[in-house]
Amino acid sequence: MGGSFIGFWRYLGNCTVTKTKLWGILDGLKLILDRRFEKISIQMDSLEAVNTIQKGSSRNSNSAL
């Protein structure tokens, strides 16, 4: 079973760790769509970010994500 690893970076300025994780997921998903990968695995080490994704955007959030 072969695999690829793709990395990237983005300047986010001053923001929370959770927001950096969410930006990473968003940028990664855009990259995956652009490259038309068929099978992917996303690993996340932030339960707060996972919960945010599962719940959708919060009404109280002022984040553009």
PDB file of N, CA and C in Angstrom:
ATOM      1  N   MET A   1       0.843  -1.166   0.000  1.00  0.00           N
ATOM      2  CA  MET A   1       0.000   0.000   0.000  1.00  0.00           C
ATOM      3  C   MET A   1       0.895   1.237   0.000  1.00  0.00           C
ATOM      4  N   GLY A   2       0.962   1.928  -1.108  1.00  0.00           N
ATOM      5  CA  GLY A   2       1.764   3.141  -1.212  1.00  0.00           C
ATOM      6  C   GLY A   2       1.001   4.341  -0.715  1.00  0.00           C
ATOM      7  N   GLY A   3       1.716   5.398  -0.524  1.00  0.00           N
ATOM      8  CA  GLY A   3       1.056   6.598  -0.037  1.00  0.00           C
ATOM      9  C   GLY A   3       1.833   7.838  -0.393  1.00  0.00           C
ATOM     10  N   SER A   4       1.189   8.941  -0.270  1.00  0.00           N
ATOM     11  CA  SER A   4       1.795  10.239  -0.528  1.00  0.00           C
ATOM     12  C   SER A   4       1.602  11.115   0.695  1.00  0.00           C
ATOM     13  N   PHE A   5       2.508  12.034   0.848  1.00  0.00           N
ATOM     14  CA  PHE A   5       2.381  13.023   1.912  1.00  0.00           C
ATOM     15  C   PHE A   5       2.568  14.382   1.271  1.00  0.00           C
ATOM     16  N   ILE A   6       1.620  15.262   1.482  1.00  0.00           N
ATOM     17  CA  ILE A   6       1.687  16.603   0.914  1.00  0.00           C
ATOM     18  C   ILE A   6       1.652  17.596   2.061  1.00  0.00           C
ATOM     19  N   GLY A   7       2.552  18.552   2.030  1.00  0.00           N
ATOM     20  CA  GLY A   7       2.583  19.578   3.055  1.00  0.00           C
ATOM     21  C   GLY A   7       2.410  20.958   2.441  1.00  0.00           C
ATOM     22  N   PHE A   8       2.046  21.907   3.251  1.00  0.00           N
ATOM     23  CA  PHE A   8       1.903  23.287   2.806  1.00  0.00           C
ATOM     24  C   PHE A   8       1.960  24.181   4.023  1.00  0.00           C
ATOM     25  N   TRP A   9       2.051  25.469   3.795  1.00  0.00           N
ATOM     26  CA  TRP A   9       2.053  26.396   4.916  1.00  0.00           C
ATOM     27  C   TRP A   9       1.253  27.629   4.542  1.00  0.00           C
ATOM     28  N   ARG A  10       0.802  28.337   5.556  1.00  0.00           N
ATOM     29  CA  ARG A  10       0.035  29.567   5.376  1.00  0.00           C
ATOM     30  C   ARG A  10       0.309  30.440   6.598  1.00  0.00           C
ATOM     31  N   TYR A  11       0.487  31.725   6.370  1.00  0.00           N
ATOM     32  CA  TYR A  11       0.638  32.662   7.480  1.00  0.00           C
ATOM     33  C   TYR A  11      -0.752  33.013   7.989  1.00  0.00           C
ATOM     34  N   LEU A  12      -0.992  32.770   9.271  1.00  0.00           N
ATOM     35  CA  LEU A  12      -2.305  33.028   9.858  1.00  0.00           C
ATOM     36  C   LEU A  12      -2.309  34.188  10.850  1.00  0.00           C
ATOM     37  N   GLY A  13      -1.156  34.724  11.137  1.00  0.00           N
ATOM     38  CA  GLY A  13      -1.116  35.812  12.103  1.00  0.00           C
ATOM     39  C   GLY A  13      -1.409  35.315  13.500  1.00  0.00           C
ATOM     40  N   ASN A  14      -2.105  36.110  14.271  1.00  0.00           N
ATOM     41  CA  ASN A  14      -2.415  35.780  15.659  1.00  0.00           C
ATOM     42  C   ASN A  14      -3.800  35.132  15.727  1.00  0.00           C
ATOM     43  N   CYS A  15      -3.836  33.820  15.981  1.00  0.00           N
ATOM     44  CA  CYS A  15      -5.123  33.134  16.109  1.00  0.00           C
ATOM     45  C   CYS A  15      -4.969  31.918  17.019  1.00  0.00           C
ATOM     46  N   THR A  16      -6.071  31.291  17.330  1.00  0.00           N
ATOM     47  CA  THR A  16      -6.053  30.154  18.250  1.00  0.00           C
ATOM     48  C   THR A  16      -5.515  28.901  17.563  1.00  0.00           C
ATOM     49  N   VAL A  17      -5.099  27.949  18.375  1.00  0.00           N
ATOM     50  CA  VAL A  17      -4.618  26.669  17.852  1.00  0.00           C
ATOM     51  C   VAL A  17      -5.733  25.977  17.072  1.00  0.00           C
ATOM     52  N   THR A  18      -6.946  26.027  17.593  1.00  0.00           N
ATOM     53  CA  THR A  18      -8.073  25.380  16.909  1.00  0.00           C
ATOM     54  C   THR A  18      -8.289  25.978  15.529  1.00  0.00           C
ATOM     55  N   LYS A  19      -8.206  27.297  15.421  1.00  0.00           N
ATOM     56  CA  LYS A  19      -8.384  27.925  14.107  1.00  0.00           C
ATOM     57  C   LYS A  19      -7.275  27.524  13.144  1.00  0.00           C
ATOM     58  N   THR A  20      -6.055  27.360  13.646  1.00  0.00           N
ATOM     59  CA  THR A  20      -4.981  26.919  12.747  1.00  0.00           C
ATOM     60  C   THR A  20      -5.256  25.504  12.254  1.00  0.00           C
ATOM     61  N   LYS A  21      -5.774  24.648  13.117  1.00  0.00           N
ATOM     62  CA  LYS A  21      -6.119  23.275  12.712  1.00  0.00           C
ATOM     63  C   LYS A  21      -7.229  23.293  11.664  1.00  0.00           C
ATOM     64  N   LEU A  22      -8.238  24.140  11.867  1.00  0.00           N
ATOM     65  CA  LEU A  22      -9.342  24.227  10.914  1.00  0.00           C
ATOM     66  C   LEU A  22      -8.878  24.766   9.566  1.00  0.00           C
ATOM     67  N   TRP A  23      -7.996  25.764   9.573  1.00  0.00           N
ATOM     68  CA  TRP A  23      -7.431  26.265   8.321  1.00  0.00           C
ATOM     69  C   TRP A  23      -6.657  25.160   7.605  1.00  0.00           C
ATOM     70  N   GLY A  24      -5.931  24.346   8.370  1.00  0.00           N
ATOM     71  CA  GLY A  24      -5.187  23.236   7.776  1.00  0.00           C
ATOM     72  C   GLY A  24      -6.102  22.240   7.090  1.00  0.00           C
ATOM     73  N   ILE A  25      -7.206  21.912   7.730  1.00  0.00           N
ATOM     74  CA  ILE A  25      -8.181  21.003   7.120  1.00  0.00           C
ATOM     75  C   ILE A  25      -8.777  21.627   5.858  1.00  0.00           C
ATOM     76  N   LEU A  26      -9.177  22.891   5.934  1.00  0.00           N
ATOM     77  CA  LEU A  26      -9.769  23.564   4.776  1.00  0.00           C
ATOM     78  C   LEU A  26      -8.797  23.606   3.605  1.00  0.00           C
ATOM     79  N   ASP A  27      -7.568  24.024   3.853  1.00  0.00           N
ATOM     80  CA  ASP A  27      -6.571  24.078   2.782  1.00  0.00           C
ATOM     81  C   ASP A  27      -6.275  22.688   2.231  1.00  0.00           C
ATOM     82  N   GLY A  28      -6.215  21.698   3.123  1.00  0.00           N
ATOM     83  CA  GLY A  28      -5.965  20.327   2.687  1.00  0.00           C
ATOM     84  C   GLY A  28      -7.085  19.791   1.809  1.00  0.00           C
ATOM     85  N   LEU A  29      -8.322  20.066   2.180  1.00  0.00           N
ATOM     86  CA  LEU A  29      -9.453  19.618   1.371  1.00  0.00           C
ATOM     87  C   LEU A  29      -9.459  20.280  -0.004  1.00  0.00           C
ATOM     88  N   LYS A  30      -9.103  21.554  -0.066  1.00  0.00           N
ATOM     89  CA  LYS A  30      -9.007  22.236  -1.362  1.00  0.00           C
ATOM     90  C   LYS A  30      -7.937  21.583  -2.229  1.00  0.00           C
ATOM     91  N   LEU A  31      -6.800  21.264  -1.633  1.00  0.00           N
ATOM     92  CA  LEU A  31      -5.714  20.609  -2.348  1.00  0.00           C
ATOM     93  C   LEU A  31      -6.142  19.228  -2.844  1.00  0.00           C
ATOM     94  N   ILE A  32      -6.835  18.489  -2.008  1.00  0.00           N
ATOM     95  CA  ILE A  32      -7.331  17.157  -2.379  1.00  0.00           C
ATOM     96  C   ILE A  32      -8.293  17.254  -3.558  1.00  0.00           C
ATOM     97  N   LEU A  33      -9.193  18.225  -3.527  1.00  0.00           N
ATOM     98  CA  LEU A  33     -10.136  18.404  -4.632  1.00  0.00           C
ATOM     99  C   LEU A  33      -9.416  18.794  -5.916  1.00  0.00           C
ATOM    100  N   ASP A  34      -8.433  19.680  -5.817  1.00  0.00           N
ATOM    101  CA  ASP A  34      -7.675  20.109  -6.994  1.00  0.00           C
ATOM    102  C   ASP A  34      -6.924  18.951  -7.640  1.00  0.00           C
ATOM    103  N   ARG A  35      -6.404  18.052  -6.828  1.00  0.00           N
ATOM    104  CA  ARG A  35      -5.611  16.923  -7.340  1.00  0.00           C
ATOM    105  C   ARG A  35      -6.452  15.679  -7.605  1.00  0.00           C
ATOM    106  N   ARG A  36      -7.716  15.755  -7.316  1.00  0.00           N
ATOM    107  CA  ARG A  36      -8.678  14.687  -7.603  1.00  0.00           C
ATOM    108  C   ARG A  36      -8.293  13.332  -7.012  1.00  0.00           C
ATOM    109  N   PHE A  37      -7.862  13.360  -5.773  1.00  0.00           N
ATOM    110  CA  PHE A  37      -7.575  12.108  -5.077  1.00  0.00           C
ATOM    111  C   PHE A  37      -8.879  11.346  -4.858  1.00  0.00           C
ATOM    112  N   GLU A  38      -8.812  10.033  -4.948  1.00  0.00           N
ATOM    113  CA  GLU A  38     -10.009   9.220  -4.757  1.00  0.00           C
ATOM    114  C   GLU A  38     -10.147   8.719  -3.329  1.00  0.00           C
ATOM    115  N   LYS A  39      -9.044   8.404  -2.695  1.00  0.00           N
ATOM    116  CA  LYS A  39      -9.081   7.891  -1.326  1.00  0.00           C
ATOM    117  C   LYS A  39      -8.189   8.758  -0.457  1.00  0.00           C
ATOM    118  N   ILE A  40      -8.736   9.208   0.651  1.00  0.00           N
ATOM    119  CA  ILE A  40      -7.957  10.060   1.549  1.00  0.00           C
ATOM    120  C   ILE A  40      -8.165   9.631   2.996  1.00  0.00           C
ATOM    121  N   SER A  41      -7.237  10.009   3.817  1.00  0.00           N
ATOM    122  CA  SER A  41      -7.351   9.823   5.259  1.00  0.00           C
ATOM    123  C   SER A  41      -6.886  11.116   5.909  1.00  0.00           C
ATOM    124  N   ILE A  42      -7.725  11.682   6.746  1.00  0.00           N
ATOM    125  CA  ILE A  42      -7.373  12.911   7.451  1.00  0.00           C
ATOM    126  C   ILE A  42      -7.215  12.572   8.922  1.00  0.00           C
ATOM    127  N   GLN A  43      -6.076  12.914   9.476  1.00  0.00           N
ATOM    128  CA  GLN A  43      -5.824  12.676  10.894  1.00  0.00           C
ATOM    129  C   GLN A  43      -5.764  14.021  11.605  1.00  0.00           C
ATOM    130  N   MET A  44      -6.429  14.097  12.750  1.00  0.00           N
ATOM    131  CA  MET A  44      -6.511  15.355  13.486  1.00  0.00           C
ATOM    132  C   MET A  44      -6.206  15.086  14.949  1.00  0.00           C
ATOM    133  N   ASP A  45      -5.387  15.931  15.549  1.00  0.00           N
ATOM    134  CA  ASP A  45      -5.049  15.756  16.966  1.00  0.00           C
ATOM    135  C   ASP A  45      -5.725  16.793  17.858  1.00  0.00           C
ATOM    136  N   SER A  46      -6.793  17.390  17.361  1.00  0.00           N
ATOM    137  CA  SER A  46      -7.509  18.404  18.135  1.00  0.00           C
ATOM    138  C   SER A  46      -8.986  18.029  18.230  1.00  0.00           C
ATOM    139  N   LEU A  47      -9.402  17.560  19.396  1.00  0.00           N
ATOM    140  CA  LEU A  47     -10.801  17.197  19.595  1.00  0.00           C
ATOM    141  C   LEU A  47     -11.710  18.410  19.404  1.00  0.00           C
ATOM    142  N   GLU A  48     -11.258  19.572  19.823  1.00  0.00           N
ATOM    143  CA  GLU A  48     -12.062  20.790  19.663  1.00  0.00           C
ATOM    144  C   GLU A  48     -12.309  21.088  18.185  1.00  0.00           C
ATOM    145  N   ALA A  49     -11.287  20.935  17.350  1.00  0.00           N
ATOM    146  CA  ALA A  49     -11.451  21.166  15.915  1.00  0.00           C
ATOM    147  C   ALA A  49     -12.389  20.131  15.303  1.00  0.00           C
ATOM    148  N   VAL A  50     -12.241  18.871  15.693  1.00  0.00           N
ATOM    149  CA  VAL A  50     -13.124  17.812  15.190  1.00  0.00           C
ATOM    150  C   VAL A  50     -14.571  18.106  15.579  1.00  0.00           C
ATOM    151  N   ASN A  51     -14.802  18.482  16.828  1.00  0.00           N
ATOM    152  CA  ASN A  51     -16.160  18.811  17.281  1.00  0.00           C
ATOM    153  C   ASN A  51     -16.733  19.992  16.511  1.00  0.00           C
ATOM    154  N   THR A  52     -15.913  20.993  16.226  1.00  0.00           N
ATOM    155  CA  THR A  52     -16.362  22.156  15.462  1.00  0.00           C
ATOM    156  C   THR A  52     -16.793  21.741  14.066  1.00  0.00           C
ATOM    157  N   ILE A  53     -16.017  20.879  13.433  1.00  0.00           N
ATOM    158  CA  ILE A  53     -16.354  20.404  12.088  1.00  0.00           C
ATOM    159  C   ILE A  53     -17.646  19.595  12.123  1.00  0.00           C
ATOM    160  N   GLN A  54     -17.781  18.722  13.099  1.00  0.00           N
ATOM    161  CA  GLN A  54     -18.969  17.874  13.182  1.00  0.00           C
ATOM    162  C   GLN A  54     -20.232  18.668  13.475  1.00  0.00           C
ATOM    163  N   LYS A  55     -20.122  19.715  14.257  1.00  0.00           N
ATOM    164  CA  LYS A  55     -21.291  20.523  14.623  1.00  0.00           C
ATOM    165  C   LYS A  55     -21.630  21.562  13.561  1.00  0.00           C
ATOM    166  N   GLY A  56     -20.705  21.887  12.690  1.00  0.00           N
ATOM    167  CA  GLY A  56     -20.926  22.942  11.718  1.00  0.00           C
ATOM    168  C   GLY A  56     -20.558  24.276  12.324  1.00  0.00           C
ATOM    169  N   SER A  57     -20.830  25.335  11.611  1.00  0.00           N
ATOM    170  CA  SER A  57     -20.430  26.647  12.109  1.00  0.00           C
ATOM    171  C   SER A  57     -21.323  27.070  13.265  1.00  0.00           C
ATOM    172  N   SER A  58     -20.740  27.770  14.185  1.00  0.00           N
ATOM    173  CA  SER A  58     -21.450  28.227  15.374  1.00  0.00           C
ATOM    174  C   SER A  58     -22.034  29.611  15.133  1.00  0.00           C
ATOM    175  N   ARG A  59     -23.205  29.843  15.653  1.00  0.00           N
ATOM    176  CA  ARG A  59     -23.811  31.174  15.537  1.00  0.00           C
ATOM    177  C   ARG A  59     -22.998  32.223  16.275  1.00  0.00           C
ATOM    178  N   ASN A  60     -22.320  31.802  17.331  1.00  0.00           N
ATOM    179  CA  ASN A  60     -21.544  32.737  18.134  1.00  0.00           C
ATOM    180  C   ASN A  60     -20.146  32.972  17.580  1.00  0.00           C
ATOM    181  N   SER A  61     -19.790  32.245  16.551  1.00  0.00           N
ATOM    182  CA  SER A  61     -18.443  32.363  16.002  1.00  0.00           C
ATOM    183  C   SER A  61     -18.364  33.543  15.048  1.00  0.00           C
ATOM    184  N   ASN A  62     -17.287  34.302  15.151  1.00  0.00           N
ATOM    185  CA  ASN A  62     -17.059  35.392  14.206  1.00  0.00           C
ATOM    186  C   ASN A  62     -15.971  35.008  13.212  1.00  0.00           C
ATOM    187  N   SER A  63     -15.696  33.733  13.113  1.00  0.00           N
ATOM    188  CA  SER A  63     -14.659  33.239  12.222  1.00  0.00           C
ATOM    189  C   SER A  63     -15.169  33.159  10.791  1.00  0.00           C
ATOM    190  N   ALA A  64     -14.309  33.492   9.850  1.00  0.00           N
ATOM    191  CA  ALA A  64     -14.655  33.390   8.436  1.00  0.00           C
ATOM    192  C   ALA A  64     -14.575  31.959   7.943  1.00  0.00           C
ATOM    193  N   LEU A  65     -14.028  31.064   8.774  1.00  0.00           N
ATOM    194  CA  LEU A  65     -13.952  29.661   8.375  1.00  0.00           C
ATOM    195  C   LEU A  65     -15.340  29.106   8.304  1.00  0.00           C
TER     196      LEU A  65
END
